[in-house]
Amino acid sequence: MTPFVLWGAIFFTLALIFYSVGIWNDYYHKQLKAWHISMFGLGVITDSLGTLLMYLHVGHLIFTAHSISGFFGLFLMIFHFSWAFLVIRNNDVKLLNNFHRFSILVWSFWMISYISGLYLGISSLG
């Protein structure tokens, strides 16, 4: 396992932890707080770093079901983070009502990419 892959896996796992803590705490309490946005932001940053490291490992873009779902998941995370920021900044109750359900959808989609990457990584070890 190359250092790029190892550190990429570490950053993806940190993204999973940060993003999951923010998503599920917000979902259960139905109250978006500033620290949730910090967790979403850390999730976006660590997922972006993991993506960059995997790109550096491969050396070019490849388009597989996993990579496409990963890029789309990252895009959704960035959109979700931006929406959370706007909701908090504007204190917009209307936007907040749909936010919690959308959060779970984004997290679920991102998990598909995470699990498929985990599967691909483990299957390449053997």
N, C-alpha and C. Protein backbone atom coordinates (compact mmCIF):
# COMPACT_ATOMS: atom_id res chain seq x y z
N MET A 1 0.85 -1.17 0.00
CA MET A 1 0.00 0.00 0.00
C MET A 1 0.90 1.24 0.00
N THR A 2 0.68 2.11 -0.97
CA THR A 2 1.51 3.31 -1.07
C THR A 2 1.09 4.33 -0.01
N PRO A 3 1.97 5.27 0.32
CA PRO A 3 1.60 6.31 1.29
C PRO A 3 0.37 7.12 0.83
N PHE A 4 0.25 7.36 -0.48
CA PHE A 4 -0.92 8.09 -0.98
C PHE A 4 -2.22 7.35 -0.63
N VAL A 5 -2.22 6.05 -0.85
CA VAL A 5 -3.41 5.25 -0.58
C VAL A 5 -3.67 5.18 0.92
N LEU A 6 -2.63 4.96 1.70
CA LEU A 6 -2.78 4.89 3.16
C LEU A 6 -3.35 6.19 3.71
N TRP A 7 -2.73 7.31 3.36
CA TRP A 7 -3.20 8.61 3.87
C TRP A 7 -4.56 8.97 3.29
N GLY A 8 -4.81 8.58 2.05
CA GLY A 8 -6.14 8.80 1.47
C GLY A 8 -7.21 8.06 2.27
N ALA A 9 -6.93 6.81 2.61
CA ALA A 9 -7.88 6.02 3.40
C ALA A 9 -8.09 6.64 4.78
N ILE A 10 -7.02 7.14 5.38
CA ILE A 10 -7.14 7.81 6.68
C ILE A 10 -8.01 9.05 6.57
N PHE A 11 -7.78 9.87 5.54
CA PHE A 11 -8.59 11.08 5.36
C PHE A 11 -10.04 10.75 5.07
N PHE A 12 -10.30 9.70 4.27
CA PHE A 12 -11.69 9.31 4.00
C PHE A 12 -12.38 8.85 5.28
N THR A 13 -11.65 8.13 6.13
CA THR A 13 -12.23 7.67 7.38
C THR A 13 -12.48 8.83 8.34
N LEU A 14 -11.57 9.81 8.35
CA LEU A 14 -11.83 11.02 9.15
C LEU A 14 -13.05 11.77 8.63
N ALA A 15 -13.20 11.81 7.31
CA ALA A 15 -14.38 12.45 6.71
C ALA A 15 -15.64 11.73 7.18
N LEU A 16 -15.59 10.40 7.18
CA LEU A 16 -16.73 9.62 7.66
C LEU A 16 -17.09 9.98 9.10
N ILE A 17 -16.10 10.08 9.94
CA ILE A 17 -16.34 10.39 11.36
C ILE A 17 -16.90 11.80 11.50
N PHE A 18 -16.21 12.80 10.94
CA PHE A 18 -16.68 14.19 11.08
C PHE A 18 -18.08 14.37 10.53
N TYR A 19 -18.29 13.88 9.31
CA TYR A 19 -19.57 14.09 8.65
C TYR A 19 -20.70 13.35 9.37
N SER A 20 -20.43 12.13 9.80
CA SER A 20 -21.45 11.34 10.49
C SER A 20 -21.85 11.98 11.82
N VAL A 21 -20.87 12.46 12.57
CA VAL A 21 -21.19 13.12 13.85
C VAL A 21 -22.09 14.32 13.61
N GLY A 22 -21.73 15.15 12.65
CA GLY A 22 -22.54 16.34 12.35
C GLY A 22 -23.93 15.99 11.85
N ILE A 23 -24.01 15.07 10.91
CA ILE A 23 -25.28 14.69 10.29
C ILE A 23 -26.23 14.10 11.32
N TRP A 24 -25.76 13.09 12.02
CA TRP A 24 -26.67 12.37 12.91
C TRP A 24 -27.04 13.18 14.15
N ASN A 25 -26.14 13.99 14.66
CA ASN A 25 -26.51 14.85 15.79
C ASN A 25 -27.56 15.86 15.37
N ASP A 26 -27.38 16.47 14.21
CA ASP A 26 -28.38 17.41 13.69
C ASP A 26 -29.71 16.71 13.45
N TYR A 27 -29.66 15.52 12.87
CA TYR A 27 -30.89 14.80 12.53
C TYR A 27 -31.69 14.44 13.78
N TYR A 28 -31.02 13.91 14.80
CA TYR A 28 -31.72 13.49 16.01
C TYR A 28 -32.28 14.66 16.80
N HIS A 29 -31.55 15.77 16.84
CA HIS A 29 -32.00 16.91 17.63
C HIS A 29 -32.84 17.90 16.82
N LYS A 30 -32.85 17.75 15.50
CA LYS A 30 -33.61 18.64 14.61
C LYS A 30 -33.32 20.10 14.88
N GLN A 31 -32.07 20.37 15.22
CA GLN A 31 -31.65 21.74 15.47
C GLN A 31 -30.22 21.92 14.96
N LEU A 32 -30.11 22.60 13.84
CA LEU A 32 -28.81 22.84 13.23
C LEU A 32 -28.05 23.88 14.06
N LYS A 33 -26.82 23.54 14.41
CA LYS A 33 -25.99 24.44 15.21
C LYS A 33 -24.69 24.73 14.47
N ALA A 34 -24.01 25.76 14.90
CA ALA A 34 -22.77 26.17 14.24
C ALA A 34 -21.72 25.05 14.28
N TRP A 35 -21.66 24.29 15.34
CA TRP A 35 -20.65 23.24 15.41
C TRP A 35 -20.92 22.12 14.41
N HIS A 36 -22.22 21.95 14.02
CA HIS A 36 -22.53 20.98 12.97
C HIS A 36 -21.87 21.42 11.65
N ILE A 37 -21.93 22.71 11.39
CA ILE A 37 -21.32 23.23 10.16
C ILE A 37 -19.81 23.00 10.20
N SER A 38 -19.21 23.13 11.37
CA SER A 38 -17.78 22.84 11.50
C SER A 38 -17.50 21.38 11.17
N MET A 39 -18.35 20.47 11.65
CA MET A 39 -18.18 19.04 11.35
C MET A 39 -18.35 18.79 9.85
N PHE A 40 -19.37 19.43 9.23
CA PHE A 40 -19.57 19.27 7.79
C PHE A 40 -18.34 19.79 7.03
N GLY A 41 -17.83 20.94 7.46
CA GLY A 41 -16.66 21.52 6.81
C GLY A 41 -15.43 20.64 6.94
N LEU A 42 -15.21 20.08 8.12
CA LEU A 42 -14.09 19.16 8.31
C LEU A 42 -14.27 17.90 7.45
N GLY A 43 -15.51 17.45 7.33
CA GLY A 43 -15.79 16.31 6.46
C GLY A 43 -15.46 16.61 5.01
N VAL A 44 -15.84 17.79 4.55
CA VAL A 44 -15.54 18.20 3.17
C VAL A 44 -14.03 18.30 2.95
N ILE A 45 -13.35 18.92 3.89
CA ILE A 45 -11.89 19.10 3.76
C ILE A 45 -11.17 17.75 3.73
N THR A 46 -11.51 16.87 4.67
CA THR A 46 -10.81 15.59 4.72
C THR A 46 -11.18 14.70 3.53
N ASP A 47 -12.43 14.77 3.07
CA ASP A 47 -12.81 14.01 1.88
C ASP A 47 -12.08 14.55 0.65
N SER A 48 -11.94 15.85 0.56
CA SER A 48 -11.21 16.47 -0.56
C SER A 48 -9.74 16.06 -0.55
N LEU A 49 -9.14 16.04 0.63
CA LEU A 49 -7.74 15.61 0.73
C LEU A 49 -7.58 14.15 0.34
N GLY A 50 -8.50 13.30 0.79
CA GLY A 50 -8.45 11.89 0.41
C GLY A 50 -8.60 11.72 -1.09
N THR A 51 -9.50 12.48 -1.70
CA THR A 51 -9.71 12.43 -3.14
C THR A 51 -8.45 12.88 -3.87
N LEU A 52 -7.83 13.95 -3.40
CA LEU A 52 -6.60 14.44 -4.02
C LEU A 52 -5.49 13.39 -3.94
N LEU A 53 -5.34 12.76 -2.80
CA LEU A 53 -4.30 11.74 -2.64
C LEU A 53 -4.54 10.54 -3.55
N MET A 54 -5.79 10.13 -3.70
CA MET A 54 -6.08 9.02 -4.61
C MET A 54 -5.81 9.42 -6.06
N TYR A 55 -6.12 10.66 -6.40
CA TYR A 55 -5.80 11.15 -7.74
C TYR A 55 -4.29 11.13 -7.96
N LEU A 56 -3.53 11.58 -6.98
CA LEU A 56 -2.07 11.58 -7.10
C LEU A 56 -1.53 10.15 -7.22
N HIS A 57 -2.16 9.23 -6.53
CA HIS A 57 -1.75 7.83 -6.60
C HIS A 57 -1.96 7.26 -8.02
N VAL A 58 -3.14 7.54 -8.59
CA VAL A 58 -3.45 7.00 -9.92
C VAL A 58 -2.73 7.79 -11.00
N GLY A 59 -2.63 9.11 -10.82
CA GLY A 59 -1.91 9.95 -11.79
C GLY A 59 -2.79 10.57 -12.86
N HIS A 60 -4.04 10.20 -12.90
CA HIS A 60 -4.97 10.78 -13.86
C HIS A 60 -6.40 10.45 -13.42
N LEU A 61 -7.36 11.13 -14.01
CA LEU A 61 -8.76 10.84 -13.70
C LEU A 61 -9.18 9.54 -14.36
N ILE A 62 -9.90 8.74 -13.61
CA ILE A 62 -10.51 7.55 -14.18
C ILE A 62 -12.01 7.64 -13.88
N PHE A 63 -12.79 7.09 -14.76
CA PHE A 63 -14.24 7.16 -14.58
C PHE A 63 -14.80 5.76 -14.43
N THR A 64 -14.97 5.39 -13.17
CA THR A 64 -15.60 4.13 -12.81
C THR A 64 -16.84 4.47 -12.00
N ALA A 65 -17.66 3.48 -11.72
CA ALA A 65 -18.84 3.72 -10.89
C ALA A 65 -18.42 4.30 -9.54
N HIS A 66 -17.33 3.78 -8.99
CA HIS A 66 -16.86 4.27 -7.69
C HIS A 66 -16.38 5.72 -7.77
N SER A 67 -15.57 6.04 -8.77
CA SER A 67 -15.04 7.41 -8.84
C SER A 67 -16.15 8.42 -9.13
N ILE A 68 -17.08 8.05 -9.99
CA ILE A 68 -18.19 8.96 -10.29
C ILE A 68 -19.05 9.18 -9.06
N SER A 69 -19.35 8.11 -8.33
CA SER A 69 -20.15 8.27 -7.10
C SER A 69 -19.36 9.07 -6.06
N GLY A 70 -18.04 8.90 -6.04
CA GLY A 70 -17.21 9.67 -5.10
C GLY A 70 -17.21 11.15 -5.40
N PHE A 71 -17.05 11.50 -6.67
CA PHE A 71 -17.08 12.92 -7.05
C PHE A 71 -18.46 13.52 -6.80
N PHE A 72 -19.50 12.76 -7.13
CA PHE A 72 -20.85 13.26 -6.90
C PHE A 72 -21.12 13.41 -5.41
N GLY A 73 -20.64 12.44 -4.61
CA GLY A 73 -20.80 12.53 -3.16
C GLY A 73 -20.09 13.75 -2.59
N LEU A 74 -18.89 14.02 -3.08
CA LEU A 74 -18.15 15.21 -2.64
C LEU A 74 -18.89 16.48 -3.03
N PHE A 75 -19.41 16.51 -4.26
CA PHE A 75 -20.20 17.67 -4.69
C PHE A 75 -21.41 17.86 -3.78
N LEU A 76 -22.11 16.79 -3.45
CA LEU A 76 -23.27 16.89 -2.56
C LEU A 76 -22.86 17.38 -1.17
N MET A 77 -21.70 16.92 -0.69
CA MET A 77 -21.22 17.37 0.62
C MET A 77 -20.94 18.87 0.61
N ILE A 78 -20.35 19.36 -0.47
CA ILE A 78 -20.06 20.79 -0.58
C ILE A 78 -21.36 21.58 -0.65
N PHE A 79 -22.32 21.09 -1.44
CA PHE A 79 -23.63 21.74 -1.53
C PHE A 79 -24.32 21.75 -0.16
N HIS A 80 -24.28 20.62 0.53
CA HIS A 80 -24.89 20.48 1.85
C HIS A 80 -24.26 21.44 2.86
N PHE A 81 -22.93 21.51 2.85
CA PHE A 81 -22.21 22.43 3.73
C PHE A 81 -22.64 23.87 3.46
N SER A 82 -22.72 24.24 2.18
CA SER A 82 -23.12 25.60 1.80
C SER A 82 -24.54 25.91 2.25
N TRP A 83 -25.44 24.94 2.06
CA TRP A 83 -26.82 25.11 2.48
C TRP A 83 -26.89 25.31 4.00
N ALA A 84 -26.15 24.49 4.74
CA ALA A 84 -26.13 24.62 6.20
C ALA A 84 -25.63 26.00 6.62
N PHE A 85 -24.60 26.47 5.95
CA PHE A 85 -24.05 27.80 6.25
C PHE A 85 -25.11 28.88 6.02
N LEU A 86 -25.82 28.79 4.90
CA LEU A 86 -26.87 29.79 4.60
C LEU A 86 -28.02 29.73 5.59
N VAL A 87 -28.41 28.52 5.97
CA VAL A 87 -29.50 28.37 6.94
C VAL A 87 -29.14 29.03 8.26
N ILE A 88 -27.94 28.77 8.75
CA ILE A 88 -27.50 29.37 10.02
C ILE A 88 -27.35 30.89 9.89
N ARG A 89 -26.70 31.32 8.81
CA ARG A 89 -26.45 32.75 8.64
C ARG A 89 -27.75 33.55 8.53
N ASN A 90 -28.71 33.02 7.78
CA ASN A 90 -29.97 33.74 7.56
C ASN A 90 -31.07 33.36 8.54
N ASN A 91 -30.81 32.37 9.38
CA ASN A 91 -31.80 31.88 10.33
C ASN A 91 -33.12 31.59 9.61
N ASP A 92 -33.04 30.87 8.50
CA ASP A 92 -34.17 30.62 7.62
C ASP A 92 -34.87 29.31 8.00
N VAL A 93 -36.02 29.43 8.63
CA VAL A 93 -36.77 28.27 9.12
C VAL A 93 -37.29 27.43 7.94
N LYS A 94 -37.67 28.08 6.87
CA LYS A 94 -38.18 27.37 5.70
C LYS A 94 -37.13 26.43 5.12
N LEU A 95 -35.91 26.94 4.96
CA LEU A 95 -34.83 26.10 4.45
C LEU A 95 -34.49 24.98 5.43
N LEU A 96 -34.57 25.28 6.71
CA LEU A 96 -34.22 24.31 7.74
C LEU A 96 -35.16 23.11 7.74
N ASN A 97 -36.45 23.32 7.42
CA ASN A 97 -37.42 22.23 7.46
C ASN A 97 -37.04 21.07 6.55
N ASN A 98 -36.50 21.34 5.39
CA ASN A 98 -36.10 20.27 4.46
C ASN A 98 -34.66 19.83 4.67
N PHE A 99 -33.91 20.59 5.43
CA PHE A 99 -32.49 20.35 5.58
C PHE A 99 -32.19 18.99 6.19
N HIS A 100 -32.90 18.62 7.24
CA HIS A 100 -32.59 17.39 7.98
C HIS A 100 -32.75 16.15 7.09
N ARG A 101 -33.82 16.10 6.30
CA ARG A 101 -34.05 14.96 5.41
C ARG A 101 -32.99 14.91 4.32
N PHE A 102 -32.65 16.07 3.77
CA PHE A 102 -31.63 16.13 2.73
C PHE A 102 -30.29 15.68 3.28
N SER A 103 -30.01 16.00 4.52
CA SER A 103 -28.75 15.60 5.16
C SER A 103 -28.58 14.09 5.12
N ILE A 104 -29.63 13.36 5.47
CA ILE A 104 -29.56 11.91 5.50
C ILE A 104 -29.37 11.36 4.09
N LEU A 105 -30.02 11.97 3.12
CA LEU A 105 -29.85 11.55 1.72
C LEU A 105 -28.41 11.73 1.27
N VAL A 106 -27.82 12.89 1.57
CA VAL A 106 -26.42 13.15 1.20
C VAL A 106 -25.49 12.16 1.90
N TRP A 107 -25.70 11.95 3.18
CA TRP A 107 -24.86 11.03 3.94
C TRP A 107 -24.97 9.62 3.36
N SER A 108 -26.19 9.19 3.05
CA SER A 108 -26.40 7.84 2.50
C SER A 108 -25.69 7.67 1.16
N PHE A 109 -25.79 8.67 0.31
CA PHE A 109 -25.13 8.58 -0.98
C PHE A 109 -23.62 8.54 -0.80
N TRP A 110 -23.10 9.38 0.10
CA TRP A 110 -21.66 9.39 0.35
C TRP A 110 -21.20 8.04 0.89
N MET A 111 -22.03 7.41 1.72
CA MET A 111 -21.68 6.11 2.29
C MET A 111 -21.53 5.04 1.22
N ILE A 112 -22.32 5.12 0.15
CA ILE A 112 -22.19 4.17 -0.95
C ILE A 112 -20.77 4.25 -1.51
N SER A 113 -20.30 5.45 -1.72
CA SER A 113 -18.95 5.65 -2.25
C SER A 113 -17.90 5.17 -1.24
N TYR A 114 -18.10 5.49 0.02
CA TYR A 114 -17.14 5.07 1.05
C TYR A 114 -17.04 3.55 1.11
N ILE A 115 -18.19 2.89 1.15
CA ILE A 115 -18.20 1.43 1.27
C ILE A 115 -17.64 0.78 0.01
N SER A 116 -17.97 1.32 -1.17
CA SER A 116 -17.42 0.74 -2.39
C SER A 116 -15.90 0.92 -2.44
N GLY A 117 -15.40 2.06 -1.96
CA GLY A 117 -13.95 2.28 -1.88
C GLY A 117 -13.30 1.33 -0.90
N LEU A 118 -13.95 1.11 0.22
CA LEU A 118 -13.44 0.16 1.21
C LEU A 118 -13.37 -1.24 0.61
N TYR A 119 -14.43 -1.63 -0.09
CA TYR A 119 -14.46 -2.94 -0.74
C TYR A 119 -13.35 -3.07 -1.78
N LEU A 120 -13.21 -2.06 -2.63
CA LEU A 120 -12.17 -2.09 -3.66
C LEU A 120 -10.78 -2.14 -3.04
N GLY A 121 -10.59 -1.37 -1.96
CA GLY A 121 -9.28 -1.36 -1.30
C GLY A 121 -8.96 -2.71 -0.67
N ILE A 122 -9.92 -3.31 -0.02
CA ILE A 122 -9.69 -4.61 0.63
C ILE A 122 -9.48 -5.69 -0.42
N SER A 123 -10.27 -5.66 -1.49
CA SER A 123 -10.12 -6.69 -2.52
C SER A 123 -8.80 -6.59 -3.27
N SER A 124 -8.19 -5.40 -3.29
CA SER A 124 -6.90 -5.26 -3.98
C SER A 124 -5.73 -5.75 -3.12
N LEU A 125 -5.98 -5.97 -1.83
CA LEU A 125 -4.91 -6.45 -0.95
C LEU A 125 -4.60 -7.92 -1.18
N GLY A 126 -5.58 -8.66 -1.65
CA GLY A 126 -5.39 -10.11 -1.77
C GLY A 126 -4.85 -10.58 -3.07
